[in-house]
Amino acid sequence: MRGKTLQILLSVLIVHSFATIIPSVLIASVDKEQKGHKKSLSVFPYLMYDTDIGVGYGGKAKFVNYLSKKESFDFIVFNSSKGERWYVFIFSVPDIEIRQGKKYPFSFDLRAEYDKYPEYYFYGMGPDAEKADQTTFTFEKKELQLTLGKGFSPRLVMEGSYVFKSVRYFDVAEDKPFTETLEEVGEQFSPFVSLVIRYDTSDSQIHPKKGFRLLFQNDFAAEALGNRNARYYRYTLDFRKYTLLFGRNDVLAFRTLVQKIEGKEIPLFEMSVLGGGSMKNAMRGYKLNRFNDKGKFLLNIEYRYPIWKKLGGNIFVDGGSVWHSGSKVNFRKVAVDIGWGLRYYLQNFVARFDMGFSKEGVGIYFNFGHIF
C-alpha cells in the first residue's frame, strides 16, 4: 500500500513540476515561416516512477518542416530501471497536422518501434478471466510500418500499410496457469497489411475540440502477404466525437470502438485486448492486457478542461468487454473504471498523465497524445 501511495504522489508531483518549472529552453516551440508553413520544434523530457517498471526516464521531440517539405520527424526514447526499453521514430510527409482537413494527392508515413516490456501479463481468454491467474512474461516487439495515403477530400482519407512485425515472449513465469501457452509463442515474424478509410470533420489531429472521426480499419495476414505464422482477418470500427462545452478549451470527448478477428491461425498477440493506457485498449483502471478474446467493444468518455496556461486536466470513464463470438456477447459482463488526469499541451503533441480506479486497483500511465 505504501508503494502504491508513493507511486501516485511521485507521478502527480513529477507531472506537475514538468508543467510548471521546466525551462522554456527545454520545452521549445521554434517557429519560422517557410513557404506558408511554420518550422517548429517541440521537446519534452520526463521522469516518472511506476511500481511495475521502476524509475522511468526519457523524452520526446518533434521537428516539423525543417526540410521545407511539410514533413515531420518524431522521436521517443524511454528507459526504466526495471528493464523496459521503448524507442519510436516516425517520419511523415506531409505532417499529420499540416494535412488535416485538406485534400492532398499523396502522403507517406514511416514508423519504426522497438518495445521491450519486462513485466507483461496474461490472464486467459474471455471477460471472466481471473485476476489470480496472472502469468508474467517479457514481451519484446520490433515493428516497421510503411503507410501510403490519399486525401480524396478535406474529410475523406484512405490509407494502406504494410507492417513488418516481430514478437518474442520469453522469461515466462514458471508453474503458472498459462506458462505453457506463453512459452509456445516464442518468437514469431508476423507481418500484415492494413487498409483504413477515415471520414474526419474534427479541427485537429493533435488537439481536437469539435467535429467527429469515423474510422474503419481492416487488417489481413496470410502466407501470400509474407506471413507464415498467421492467417487472419481483423476489422475495427472506431467513432469519436468532440464537443465544446463552456468555452474555447472545455471539450467533451467520446469514443466507441468495436473490433473482431477471425481466421485459421491467430497468434495470441493479435487477439483483441482491453486493459492499460494504450490508445486502442484504454481501460485505465485495469492492468495491461487484462482481457483478451476474438472480439471487443470499448467506450471512453472524457471531459478535458484548462487549468493554467498550457496545463489542462481531464476526468474520464472507461467501459468495455471482450467476447469469443458474436453469439456470446454478454453486455452484463462489462468492466468499468473512472479516473482523472493531467495534460500538458505543446504545439506538436500532448503529454498525458492518467490515473484510473477500478474494483481491481489503481492504474497510472504517462504517455504522449490523447487516448482518442
Protein backbone atom coordinates (compact mmCIF):
# COMPACT_ATOMS: atom_id res chain seq x y z
CA MET A 1 0.00 0.00 0.00
CA ARG A 2 2.87 2.37 0.82
CA GLY A 3 4.44 1.61 -2.58
CA LYS A 4 1.19 2.41 -4.40
CA THR A 5 0.79 5.66 -2.44
CA LEU A 6 4.37 6.64 -3.26
CA GLN A 7 3.72 5.82 -6.92
CA ILE A 8 0.68 8.12 -7.02
CA LEU A 9 2.34 11.02 -5.18
CA LEU A 10 5.54 10.91 -7.21
CA SER A 11 3.69 10.69 -10.52
CA VAL A 12 1.49 13.69 -9.68
CA LEU A 13 4.41 15.78 -8.43
CA ILE A 14 6.60 14.94 -11.42
CA VAL A 15 3.95 15.74 -14.00
CA HIS A 16 3.03 18.95 -12.19
CA SER A 17 6.67 20.01 -12.00
CA PHE A 18 7.12 19.44 -15.72
CA ALA A 19 4.10 21.59 -16.40
CA THR A 20 5.32 24.48 -14.25
CA ILE A 21 9.10 24.66 -13.84
CA ILE A 22 10.84 23.09 -16.86
CA PRO A 23 12.73 25.93 -18.54
CA SER A 24 11.38 27.14 -21.82
CA VAL A 25 14.67 26.19 -23.45
CA LEU A 26 13.72 22.53 -22.89
CA ILE A 27 10.05 22.75 -23.83
CA ALA A 28 10.65 24.60 -27.03
CA SER A 29 8.50 25.88 -29.80
CA VAL A 30 10.62 27.41 -32.56
CA ASP A 31 8.62 28.94 -35.41
CA LYS A 32 9.81 30.32 -38.70
CA GLU A 33 7.68 30.95 -41.76
CA GLN A 34 8.73 28.75 -44.68
CA LYS A 35 6.68 28.69 -47.87
CA GLY A 36 3.47 29.35 -45.96
CA HIS A 37 4.13 26.70 -43.27
CA LYS A 38 5.84 27.01 -39.94
CA LYS A 39 9.10 25.42 -38.96
CA SER A 40 8.65 24.19 -35.39
CA LEU A 41 10.34 22.12 -32.71
CA SER A 42 8.68 20.75 -29.57
CA VAL A 43 10.71 18.91 -26.92
CA PHE A 44 9.55 17.31 -23.67
CA PRO A 45 11.87 15.47 -21.22
CA TYR A 46 10.31 13.40 -18.46
CA LEU A 47 10.97 11.43 -15.30
CA MET A 48 8.44 9.13 -13.64
CA TYR A 49 8.03 6.26 -11.19
CA ASP A 50 5.83 3.17 -11.51
CA THR A 51 5.81 0.07 -9.32
CA ASP A 52 5.85 -2.23 -12.38
CA ILE A 53 8.68 -0.60 -14.35
CA GLY A 54 10.55 1.32 -11.63
CA VAL A 55 12.05 4.73 -12.40
CA GLY A 56 11.38 5.73 -16.00
CA TYR A 57 13.19 8.47 -17.87
CA GLY A 58 13.44 9.75 -21.41
CA GLY A 59 11.97 12.33 -23.73
CA LYS A 60 10.07 13.17 -26.89
CA ALA A 61 10.97 15.58 -29.67
CA LYS A 62 9.16 16.52 -32.86
CA PHE A 63 10.59 18.54 -35.74
CA VAL A 64 8.17 19.98 -38.31
CA ASN A 65 9.06 21.42 -41.74
CA TYR A 66 12.82 21.58 -41.16
CA LEU A 67 13.36 20.36 -44.74
CA SER A 68 10.70 22.75 -46.10
CA LYS A 69 8.69 19.76 -47.40
CA LYS A 70 5.84 20.00 -44.87
CA GLU A 71 7.38 16.89 -43.25
CA SER A 72 7.85 15.92 -39.61
CA PHE A 73 10.33 13.81 -37.63
CA ASP A 74 9.14 12.42 -34.31
CA PHE A 75 11.31 10.69 -31.69
CA ILE A 76 10.52 8.95 -28.38
CA VAL A 77 13.20 7.48 -26.11
CA PHE A 78 12.25 5.71 -22.88
CA ASN A 79 14.21 3.54 -20.43
CA SER A 80 13.39 2.24 -16.97
CA SER A 81 15.31 0.87 -14.02
CA LYS A 82 13.48 -2.49 -14.31
CA GLY A 83 14.41 -3.04 -17.92
CA GLU A 84 11.71 -1.50 -20.10
CA ARG A 85 13.03 -0.07 -23.36
CA TRP A 86 10.75 1.85 -25.73
CA TYR A 87 12.11 3.66 -28.78
CA VAL A 88 9.97 5.17 -31.55
CA PHE A 89 10.82 7.06 -34.74
CA ILE A 90 8.14 8.47 -37.05
CA PHE A 91 8.61 10.29 -40.35
CA SER A 92 5.57 11.81 -42.06
CA VAL A 93 5.14 13.85 -45.23
CA PRO A 94 3.05 15.89 -45.07
CA ASP A 95 2.90 16.08 -41.28
CA ILE A 96 -0.44 14.80 -39.93
CA GLU A 97 -1.46 18.22 -38.64
CA ILE A 98 -0.48 20.02 -41.84
CA ARG A 99 -2.60 17.65 -43.92
CA GLN A 100 -5.53 17.70 -41.50
CA GLY A 101 -8.70 18.99 -43.18
CA LYS A 102 -7.10 19.18 -46.64
CA LYS A 103 -7.34 17.38 -49.93
CA TYR A 104 -3.93 16.00 -50.90
CA PRO A 105 -2.67 13.64 -53.63
CA PHE A 106 -0.21 11.65 -51.55
CA SER A 107 1.05 11.06 -48.00
CA PHE A 108 3.76 8.80 -46.64
CA ASP A 109 4.38 7.69 -43.06
CA LEU A 110 7.19 5.55 -41.73
CA ARG A 111 7.05 4.30 -38.14
CA ALA A 112 9.82 2.25 -36.53
CA GLU A 113 9.28 0.98 -32.98
CA TYR A 114 11.16 -1.19 -30.51
CA ASP A 115 9.43 -2.12 -27.25
CA LYS A 116 10.72 -4.44 -24.56
CA TYR A 117 8.38 -4.75 -21.59
CA PRO A 118 9.84 -6.86 -18.74
CA GLU A 119 6.57 -7.39 -16.82
CA TYR A 120 3.82 -8.13 -19.32
CA TYR A 121 0.72 -10.05 -18.23
CA PHE A 122 -1.69 -12.68 -19.48
CA TYR A 123 -4.85 -13.75 -17.62
CA GLY A 124 -6.55 -16.11 -20.07
CA MET A 125 -9.36 -15.58 -22.55
CA GLY A 126 -12.79 -14.03 -22.11
CA PRO A 127 -14.46 -11.49 -19.82
CA ASP A 128 -14.35 -13.93 -16.86
CA ALA A 129 -10.56 -14.31 -16.86
CA GLU A 130 -9.43 -14.33 -13.23
CA LYS A 131 -7.00 -11.77 -11.87
CA ALA A 132 -5.47 -14.54 -9.73
CA ASP A 133 -4.38 -16.38 -12.92
CA GLN A 134 -1.98 -13.59 -13.88
CA THR A 135 1.06 -15.05 -15.62
CA THR A 136 4.03 -12.75 -16.12
CA PHE A 137 6.49 -12.76 -19.03
CA THR A 138 8.77 -10.45 -21.01
CA PHE A 139 7.30 -9.01 -24.20
CA GLU A 140 9.55 -7.76 -26.99
CA LYS A 141 8.32 -6.20 -30.22
CA LYS A 142 10.13 -4.89 -33.29
CA GLU A 143 7.91 -3.16 -35.83
CA LEU A 144 8.33 -1.21 -39.04
CA GLN A 145 5.20 0.27 -40.62
CA LEU A 146 5.07 1.85 -44.10
CA THR A 147 1.89 3.76 -44.96
CA LEU A 148 0.70 5.43 -48.16
CA GLY A 149 -2.37 7.65 -48.08
CA LYS A 150 -4.53 9.96 -50.15
CA GLY A 151 -6.87 12.76 -49.12
CA PHE A 152 -9.76 12.46 -51.57
CA SER A 153 -11.43 15.46 -49.94
CA PRO A 154 -10.78 17.56 -46.82
CA ARG A 155 -12.72 14.93 -44.86
CA LEU A 156 -12.26 11.60 -46.64
CA VAL A 157 -8.89 9.82 -46.38
CA MET A 158 -7.76 6.33 -47.42
CA GLU A 159 -4.52 4.69 -46.26
CA GLY A 160 -2.77 1.39 -46.89
CA SER A 161 0.02 -0.01 -44.72
CA TYR A 162 2.41 -2.92 -44.72
CA VAL A 163 3.58 -3.75 -41.21
CA PHE A 164 6.76 -5.75 -40.63
CA LYS A 165 6.32 -7.17 -37.13
CA SER A 166 8.41 -9.49 -34.98
CA VAL A 167 7.24 -10.51 -31.48
CA ARG A 168 9.00 -12.54 -28.81
CA TYR A 169 7.72 -13.93 -25.50
CA PHE A 170 10.40 -15.09 -23.04
CA ASP A 171 11.25 -15.31 -19.33
CA VAL A 172 7.79 -16.76 -18.71
CA ALA A 173 6.96 -17.28 -15.04
CA GLU A 174 7.18 -20.95 -14.12
CA ASP A 175 4.36 -23.12 -12.79
CA LYS A 176 1.64 -20.58 -13.55
CA PRO A 177 -1.76 -21.25 -15.22
CA PHE A 178 -0.59 -20.14 -18.69
CA THR A 179 3.13 -20.94 -18.62
CA GLU A 180 2.96 -23.46 -21.49
CA THR A 181 0.63 -21.29 -23.59
CA LEU A 182 3.02 -18.35 -23.45
CA GLU A 183 6.16 -20.40 -23.98
CA GLU A 184 4.66 -21.81 -27.18
CA VAL A 185 4.51 -18.29 -28.68
CA GLY A 186 8.31 -17.98 -28.57
CA GLU A 187 9.48 -15.67 -31.35
CA GLN A 188 7.42 -15.04 -34.47
CA PHE A 189 7.79 -12.86 -37.55
CA SER A 190 4.19 -11.88 -38.26
CA PRO A 191 3.72 -9.11 -40.87
CA PHE A 192 0.30 -7.95 -42.06
CA VAL A 193 -1.44 -5.49 -44.36
CA SER A 194 -3.78 -2.79 -43.08
CA LEU A 195 -6.36 -0.74 -45.02
CA VAL A 196 -8.01 2.31 -43.44
CA ILE A 197 -10.90 4.54 -44.51
CA ARG A 198 -11.37 7.65 -42.38
CA TYR A 199 -14.03 10.33 -42.52
CA ASP A 200 -12.90 13.21 -40.32
CA THR A 201 -14.60 16.55 -39.60
CA SER A 202 -12.51 17.32 -36.49
CA ASP A 203 -10.47 20.51 -36.34
CA SER A 204 -7.15 18.91 -35.34
CA GLN A 205 -5.30 15.60 -35.14
CA ILE A 206 -3.37 16.74 -32.06
CA HIS A 207 -5.84 18.88 -30.08
CA PRO A 208 -9.36 18.06 -31.37
CA LYS A 209 -12.07 20.29 -29.90
CA LYS A 210 -15.03 19.82 -32.24
CA GLY A 211 -16.23 17.55 -35.01
CA PHE A 212 -16.11 13.77 -35.32
CA ARG A 213 -14.00 10.95 -36.77
CA LEU A 214 -15.26 7.70 -38.21
CA LEU A 215 -12.57 5.13 -38.96
CA PHE A 216 -12.90 1.68 -40.48
CA GLN A 217 -9.76 -0.47 -40.47
CA ASN A 218 -9.12 -3.91 -41.99
CA ASP A 219 -6.02 -5.94 -41.15
CA PHE A 220 -5.05 -9.05 -43.15
CA ALA A 221 -2.39 -11.69 -42.56
CA ALA A 222 -1.70 -14.59 -44.93
CA GLU A 223 1.18 -16.54 -46.43
CA ALA A 224 0.73 -14.68 -49.71
CA LEU A 225 1.39 -11.45 -47.78
CA GLY A 226 4.60 -12.78 -46.22
CA ASN A 227 3.24 -14.29 -43.01
CA ARG A 228 3.99 -17.99 -42.47
CA ASN A 229 2.74 -18.00 -38.87
CA ALA A 230 -0.73 -16.45 -39.12
CA ARG A 231 -3.87 -16.31 -41.25
CA TYR A 232 -6.48 -13.89 -40.02
CA TYR A 233 -8.81 -11.02 -40.86
CA ARG A 234 -9.45 -8.27 -38.31
CA TYR A 235 -11.75 -5.29 -38.57
CA THR A 236 -12.02 -2.26 -36.31
CA LEU A 237 -14.77 0.37 -36.29
CA ASP A 238 -13.83 3.48 -34.33
CA PHE A 239 -16.12 6.51 -33.84
CA ARG A 240 -15.03 9.68 -31.97
CA LYS A 241 -16.99 12.84 -31.22
CA TYR A 242 -15.67 16.15 -29.82
CA THR A 243 -17.90 18.94 -28.48
CA LEU A 244 -17.05 22.32 -26.96
CA LEU A 245 -18.95 22.93 -23.71
CA PHE A 246 -18.30 26.06 -21.64
CA GLY A 247 -15.55 27.83 -23.52
CA ARG A 248 -12.92 27.54 -26.22
CA ASN A 249 -10.95 24.84 -24.35
CA ASP A 250 -13.59 22.82 -22.44
CA VAL A 251 -14.10 19.67 -24.51
CA LEU A 252 -16.36 16.67 -24.06
CA ALA A 253 -14.77 13.77 -25.96
CA PHE A 254 -16.50 10.47 -26.68
CA ARG A 255 -15.18 7.32 -28.35
CA THR A 256 -16.70 3.92 -29.06
CA LEU A 257 -14.71 1.12 -30.69
CA VAL A 258 -15.69 -2.36 -31.87
CA GLN A 259 -13.19 -4.96 -33.04
CA LYS A 260 -13.41 -8.56 -34.29
CA ILE A 261 -10.77 -11.02 -35.51
CA GLU A 262 -11.37 -14.23 -37.44
CA GLY A 263 -9.09 -16.77 -39.09
CA LYS A 264 -7.50 -20.22 -39.06
CA GLU A 265 -4.26 -19.20 -37.33
CA ILE A 266 -4.48 -16.23 -34.94
CA PRO A 267 -1.40 -15.51 -32.83
CA LEU A 268 -2.04 -14.77 -29.18
CA PHE A 269 -0.53 -11.29 -29.53
CA GLU A 270 -3.04 -10.35 -32.28
CA MET A 271 -6.17 -11.00 -30.20
CA SER A 272 -8.49 -8.18 -29.19
CA VAL A 273 -7.24 -6.71 -25.91
CA LEU A 274 -8.51 -4.40 -23.16
CA GLY A 275 -6.57 -3.02 -20.24
CA GLY A 276 -3.90 -0.41 -19.60
CA GLY A 277 -3.38 3.02 -21.09
CA SER A 278 -2.69 2.40 -24.78
CA MET A 279 -4.90 4.13 -27.32
CA LYS A 280 -6.95 1.21 -28.67
CA ASN A 281 -7.12 -0.74 -25.39
CA ALA A 282 -7.70 2.03 -22.84
CA MET A 283 -9.16 0.64 -19.62
CA ARG A 284 -7.07 2.76 -17.30
CA GLY A 285 -8.16 1.21 -14.01
CA TYR A 286 -7.09 -2.29 -15.09
CA LYS A 287 -3.67 -3.78 -15.68
CA LEU A 288 -2.10 -4.08 -19.09
CA ASN A 289 -3.55 -6.89 -21.25
CA ARG A 290 -6.22 -7.65 -18.62
CA PHE A 291 -8.90 -9.03 -21.03
CA ASN A 292 -8.30 -10.97 -24.28
CA ASP A 293 -10.50 -12.69 -26.86
CA LYS A 294 -11.58 -12.63 -30.52
CA GLY A 295 -13.74 -9.52 -30.20
CA LYS A 296 -14.22 -6.46 -28.03
CA PHE A 297 -16.09 -3.22 -27.58
CA LEU A 298 -14.72 -0.18 -25.82
CA LEU A 299 -16.33 3.05 -24.63
CA ASN A 300 -14.33 6.08 -23.44
CA ILE A 301 -15.72 9.43 -22.26
CA GLU A 302 -13.51 12.36 -21.20
CA TYR A 303 -14.12 15.91 -20.08
CA ARG A 304 -10.98 17.96 -20.88
CA TYR A 305 -10.64 21.36 -19.24
CA PRO A 306 -7.98 24.07 -18.91
CA ILE A 307 -6.17 24.64 -15.60
CA TRP A 308 -3.41 27.17 -16.20
CA LYS A 309 -1.72 28.25 -19.43
CA LYS A 310 -0.59 25.02 -21.19
CA LEU A 311 -1.66 22.77 -18.32
CA GLY A 312 -5.03 21.05 -18.54
CA GLY A 313 -6.95 18.37 -16.70
CA ASN A 314 -9.46 15.66 -17.51
CA ILE A 315 -11.90 13.30 -15.84
CA PHE A 316 -12.90 10.09 -17.59
CA VAL A 317 -14.93 6.90 -17.63
CA ASP A 318 -13.87 3.73 -19.49
CA GLY A 319 -16.07 0.70 -20.12
CA GLY A 320 -15.69 -2.41 -22.22
CA SER A 321 -15.80 -6.17 -22.61
CA VAL A 322 -14.42 -8.97 -24.79
CA TRP A 323 -16.14 -11.99 -26.38
CA HIS A 324 -15.27 -15.17 -28.26
CA SER A 325 -18.01 -14.93 -30.89
CA GLY A 326 -20.93 -12.69 -31.78
CA SER A 327 -23.40 -15.16 -30.29
CA LYS A 328 -21.61 -14.99 -26.93
CA VAL A 329 -21.64 -11.22 -26.42
CA ASN A 330 -22.79 -10.51 -22.86
CA PHE A 331 -23.27 -6.84 -22.04
CA ARG A 332 -23.76 -7.71 -18.37
CA LYS A 333 -20.06 -8.57 -18.18
CA VAL A 334 -18.75 -5.06 -18.70
CA ALA A 335 -15.67 -3.78 -16.87
CA VAL A 336 -15.77 -0.11 -15.84
CA ASP A 337 -13.26 2.33 -14.40
CA ILE A 338 -13.20 6.05 -13.61
CA GLY A 339 -10.33 8.45 -13.20
CA TRP A 340 -8.67 11.79 -13.68
CA GLY A 341 -5.57 13.11 -15.38
CA LEU A 342 -3.38 15.99 -16.45
CA ARG A 343 -2.45 17.21 -19.91
CA TYR A 344 0.40 19.46 -20.98
CA TYR A 345 -0.28 20.97 -24.41
CA LEU A 346 2.58 21.70 -26.77
CA GLN A 347 2.31 22.85 -30.36
CA ASN A 348 3.06 19.43 -31.89
CA PHE A 349 1.87 16.92 -29.27
CA VAL A 350 0.27 16.42 -25.86
CA ALA A 351 1.98 14.99 -22.76
CA ARG A 352 -0.51 12.80 -20.91
CA PHE A 353 -0.82 11.59 -17.29
CA ASP A 354 -3.80 9.43 -16.23
CA MET A 355 -4.85 7.72 -13.01
CA GLY A 356 -7.68 5.18 -13.28
CA PHE A 357 -9.63 3.45 -10.48
CA SER A 358 -11.47 0.15 -10.72
CA LYS A 359 -12.54 -2.67 -8.41
CA GLU A 360 -9.16 -4.29 -9.15
CA GLY A 361 -6.98 -1.37 -8.13
CA VAL A 362 -5.32 1.77 -9.48
CA GLY A 363 -3.63 2.27 -12.84
CA ILE A 364 -1.14 5.07 -13.50
CA TYR A 365 0.01 5.98 -17.02
CA PHE A 366 2.31 8.59 -18.55
CA ASN A 367 2.50 8.87 -22.32
CA PHE A 368 2.00 11.17 -25.29
CA GLY A 369 -1.09 12.07 -27.27
CA HIS A 370 -4.73 11.89 -26.23
CA ILE A 371 -6.17 8.39 -25.79
CA PHE A 372 -8.55 9.34 -28.62
